[in-house]
């Protein structure tokens, strides 16, 4: 839509200019007005697109904050279960994963698409690979809990926490890299 807006704006400006200088002393007012309307439609499209982009940047920033909080919360839910080790109540692990961890993992997954415009496709792939591995392992811990396999629950909680911690570390690194890039861009535009 941006390209169309620019095309209409410049076609309108150039056509109005051409119409106004084509014949000295007489302007074809209907053609001139039509050219101006085309240019104004281009301006309107550019403004609509700018508003949409501003709204998208706001949504992306909100999603990044949501993902950060969700990962932190999910790890806070897994940590005490993992720390309990063999003394964890094996049949209650699934209930605690359902109530304390799963909603946060879902919240993270729901906002994940914003990582692509925020950090790029490669960063998205790195974070989501670790996140998905952690989520799968925690699902395995849930199943082992339902079946009462304590050793498997303990092992899966440790591995799941490790994968989610790795996902969080990558995510936070990309957040900091993005901030640094924006800081450099702002510093470069300021006069020395």
Protein backbone atom coordinates (compact mmCIF):
# COMPACT_ATOMS: atom_id res chain seq x y z
CA UNK A 1 0.00 0.00 0.00
CA UNK A 2 2.98 2.30 0.59
CA UNK A 3 4.16 1.87 -2.99
CA UNK A 4 0.70 2.62 -4.36
CA UNK A 5 0.48 5.72 -2.16
CA UNK A 6 3.83 7.00 -3.44
CA UNK A 7 2.90 6.28 -7.06
CA UNK A 8 -0.43 8.11 -6.76
CA UNK A 9 1.19 11.04 -4.97
CA UNK A 10 3.89 11.50 -7.61
CA UNK A 11 1.56 10.88 -10.56
CA UNK A 12 -0.81 13.51 -9.16
CA UNK A 13 1.96 16.06 -8.53
CA UNK A 14 3.62 15.53 -11.90
CA UNK A 15 0.31 15.55 -13.81
CA UNK A 16 -0.80 18.77 -12.05
CA UNK A 17 2.56 20.35 -12.86
CA UNK A 18 2.35 19.28 -16.50
CA UNK A 19 -1.25 20.52 -16.87
CA UNK A 20 -0.41 23.90 -15.31
CA UNK A 21 2.55 24.65 -17.62
CA UNK A 22 1.35 23.04 -20.85
CA UNK A 23 -0.32 26.11 -22.26
CA UNK A 24 0.86 29.50 -21.13
CA UNK A 25 -1.94 31.61 -19.70
CA UNK A 26 -4.59 28.89 -19.63
CA UNK A 27 -4.90 26.00 -17.24
CA UNK A 28 -7.18 23.05 -17.91
CA UNK A 29 -8.85 23.23 -14.49
CA UNK A 30 -10.72 19.92 -14.66
CA UNK A 31 -7.45 18.09 -15.48
CA UNK A 32 -5.58 20.05 -12.82
CA UNK A 33 -8.24 19.25 -10.17
CA UNK A 34 -8.25 15.57 -11.16
CA UNK A 35 -4.46 15.44 -10.84
CA UNK A 36 -4.64 17.01 -7.39
CA UNK A 37 -7.28 14.50 -6.31
CA UNK A 38 -5.02 11.64 -7.42
CA UNK A 39 -2.15 13.16 -5.42
CA UNK A 40 -4.36 13.60 -2.34
CA UNK A 41 -5.51 9.98 -2.56
CA UNK A 42 -1.82 9.03 -2.52
CA UNK A 43 -1.24 11.16 0.58
CA UNK A 44 -4.25 9.57 2.29
CA UNK A 45 -2.95 6.06 1.53
CA UNK A 46 0.47 6.97 2.92
CA UNK A 47 -1.08 8.30 6.14
CA UNK A 48 -3.24 5.19 6.61
CA UNK A 49 -0.18 3.01 6.10
CA UNK A 50 1.86 5.06 8.60
CA UNK A 51 -0.87 4.69 11.24
CA UNK A 52 -1.05 0.94 10.65
CA UNK A 53 2.73 0.61 10.97
CA UNK A 54 2.71 2.59 14.22
CA UNK A 55 0.00 0.30 15.61
CA UNK A 56 1.95 -2.76 14.56
CA UNK A 57 5.12 -1.50 16.30
CA UNK A 58 3.08 -0.99 19.47
CA UNK A 59 1.61 -4.51 19.23
CA UNK A 60 5.05 -6.03 18.63
CA UNK A 61 6.44 -4.24 21.70
CA UNK A 62 3.51 -5.54 23.78
CA UNK A 63 4.02 -9.08 22.47
CA UNK A 64 7.75 -8.97 23.27
CA UNK A 65 6.94 -7.89 26.83
CA UNK A 66 4.31 -10.66 27.09
CA UNK A 67 6.77 -13.29 25.86
CA UNK A 68 9.44 -12.13 28.29
CA UNK A 69 7.05 -12.28 31.26
CA UNK A 70 5.61 -15.64 30.15
CA UNK A 71 9.03 -17.31 29.91
CA UNK A 72 10.07 -15.91 33.27
CA UNK A 73 6.83 -17.10 34.86
CA UNK A 74 7.02 -20.55 33.28
CA UNK A 75 10.55 -21.02 34.57
CA UNK A 76 9.44 -19.84 38.00
CA UNK A 77 6.76 -22.54 37.92
CA UNK A 78 9.13 -25.32 36.83
CA UNK A 79 12.03 -24.40 39.16
CA UNK A 80 10.49 -25.54 42.48
CA UNK A 81 9.28 -28.78 40.91
CA UNK A 82 12.73 -29.52 39.54
CA UNK A 83 14.42 -28.42 42.78
CA UNK A 84 12.30 -30.86 44.79
CA UNK A 85 14.04 -33.68 42.96
CA UNK A 86 13.00 -37.16 44.08
CA UNK A 87 10.90 -35.75 46.92
CA UNK A 88 8.41 -34.20 44.48
CA UNK A 89 4.85 -35.53 44.71
CA UNK A 90 4.87 -37.42 41.44
CA UNK A 91 1.12 -37.45 40.82
CA UNK A 92 0.76 -33.71 41.57
CA UNK A 93 3.39 -32.58 39.05
CA UNK A 94 0.91 -32.78 36.18
CA UNK A 95 -1.59 -30.63 38.08
CA UNK A 96 1.00 -27.99 38.85
CA UNK A 97 2.26 -27.99 35.26
CA UNK A 98 -1.34 -27.53 34.08
CA UNK A 99 -2.10 -24.68 36.46
CA UNK A 100 1.22 -22.84 36.78
CA UNK A 101 3.24 -23.49 33.63
CA UNK A 102 1.02 -24.44 30.69
CA UNK A 103 -0.97 -21.15 30.54
CA UNK A 104 2.29 -19.21 30.40
CA UNK A 105 3.73 -21.43 27.67
CA UNK A 106 0.52 -20.91 25.70
CA UNK A 107 0.76 -17.14 26.17
CA UNK A 108 4.33 -17.19 24.86
CA UNK A 109 3.34 -19.33 21.87
CA UNK A 110 0.39 -17.07 21.03
CA UNK A 111 2.67 -14.02 20.79
CA UNK A 112 5.56 -15.76 19.00
CA UNK A 113 4.85 -14.34 15.53
CA UNK A 114 5.99 -10.90 16.71
CA UNK A 115 9.53 -12.22 17.05
CA UNK A 116 9.93 -12.26 13.27
CA UNK A 117 9.48 -8.50 12.70
CA UNK A 118 11.18 -7.72 16.03
CA UNK A 119 14.30 -9.89 15.72
CA UNK A 120 14.25 -11.61 12.33
CA UNK A 121 13.54 -15.12 11.11
CA UNK A 122 16.83 -16.66 12.29
CA UNK A 123 16.34 -15.39 15.85
CA UNK A 124 12.76 -16.67 15.78
CA UNK A 125 13.97 -20.11 14.70
CA UNK A 126 16.64 -20.26 17.40
CA UNK A 127 14.31 -19.27 20.23
CA UNK A 128 11.40 -21.40 19.07
CA UNK A 129 13.59 -24.50 18.62
CA UNK A 130 14.62 -24.32 22.28
CA UNK A 131 11.15 -23.34 23.44
CA UNK A 132 9.47 -26.18 21.54
CA UNK A 133 12.00 -28.68 22.89
CA UNK A 134 11.35 -27.48 26.44
CA UNK A 135 7.60 -27.62 25.97
CA UNK A 136 7.77 -31.18 24.56
CA UNK A 137 9.93 -32.36 27.45
CA UNK A 138 7.55 -30.81 29.99
CA UNK A 139 4.67 -32.58 28.24
CA UNK A 140 6.62 -35.79 28.70
CA UNK A 141 7.04 -34.94 32.41
CA UNK A 142 3.27 -34.47 32.57
CA UNK A 143 2.69 -37.91 31.06
CA UNK A 144 5.23 -39.52 33.37
CA UNK A 145 3.51 -37.82 36.30
CA UNK A 146 0.14 -39.20 35.26
CA UNK A 147 1.69 -42.68 35.11
CA UNK A 148 3.65 -42.28 38.36
CA UNK A 149 7.18 -42.64 36.91
CA UNK A 150 9.18 -40.56 39.37
CA UNK A 151 12.60 -40.99 37.71
CA UNK A 152 11.22 -39.86 34.34
CA UNK A 153 9.44 -36.87 35.92
CA UNK A 154 12.63 -35.71 37.64
CA UNK A 155 14.73 -36.14 34.48
CA UNK A 156 12.19 -34.40 32.25
CA UNK A 157 11.73 -31.47 34.60
CA UNK A 158 15.50 -30.89 34.62
CA UNK A 159 15.78 -31.15 30.82
CA UNK A 160 12.68 -29.05 30.21
CA UNK A 161 13.92 -26.33 32.54
CA UNK A 162 17.31 -26.37 30.78
CA UNK A 163 15.69 -25.94 27.35
CA UNK A 164 13.40 -23.14 28.52
CA UNK A 165 16.36 -21.42 30.21
CA UNK A 166 18.27 -21.60 26.93
CA UNK A 167 15.25 -20.19 25.07
CA UNK A 168 15.02 -17.37 27.61
CA UNK A 169 18.73 -16.56 27.31
CA UNK A 170 18.47 -16.36 23.52
CA UNK A 171 15.29 -14.29 23.71
CA UNK A 172 16.84 -11.80 26.15
CA UNK A 173 19.97 -11.55 24.02
CA UNK A 174 17.86 -10.64 20.98
CA UNK A 175 15.91 -8.08 23.02
CA UNK A 176 19.18 -6.45 24.12
CA UNK A 177 20.61 -6.57 20.59
CA UNK A 178 17.48 -4.80 19.31
CA UNK A 179 17.80 -2.12 21.98
CA UNK A 180 21.46 -1.61 21.13
CA UNK A 181 20.64 -1.28 17.42
CA UNK A 182 17.98 1.32 18.13
CA UNK A 183 20.37 3.18 20.44
CA UNK A 184 23.05 3.27 17.74
CA UNK A 185 20.54 4.51 15.17
CA UNK A 186 19.37 7.27 17.51
CA UNK A 187 22.96 8.25 18.35
CA UNK A 188 23.93 8.32 14.68
CA UNK A 189 21.17 10.79 13.81
CA UNK A 190 22.14 13.28 16.51
CA UNK A 191 24.57 16.06 15.63
CA UNK A 192 27.99 15.81 17.27
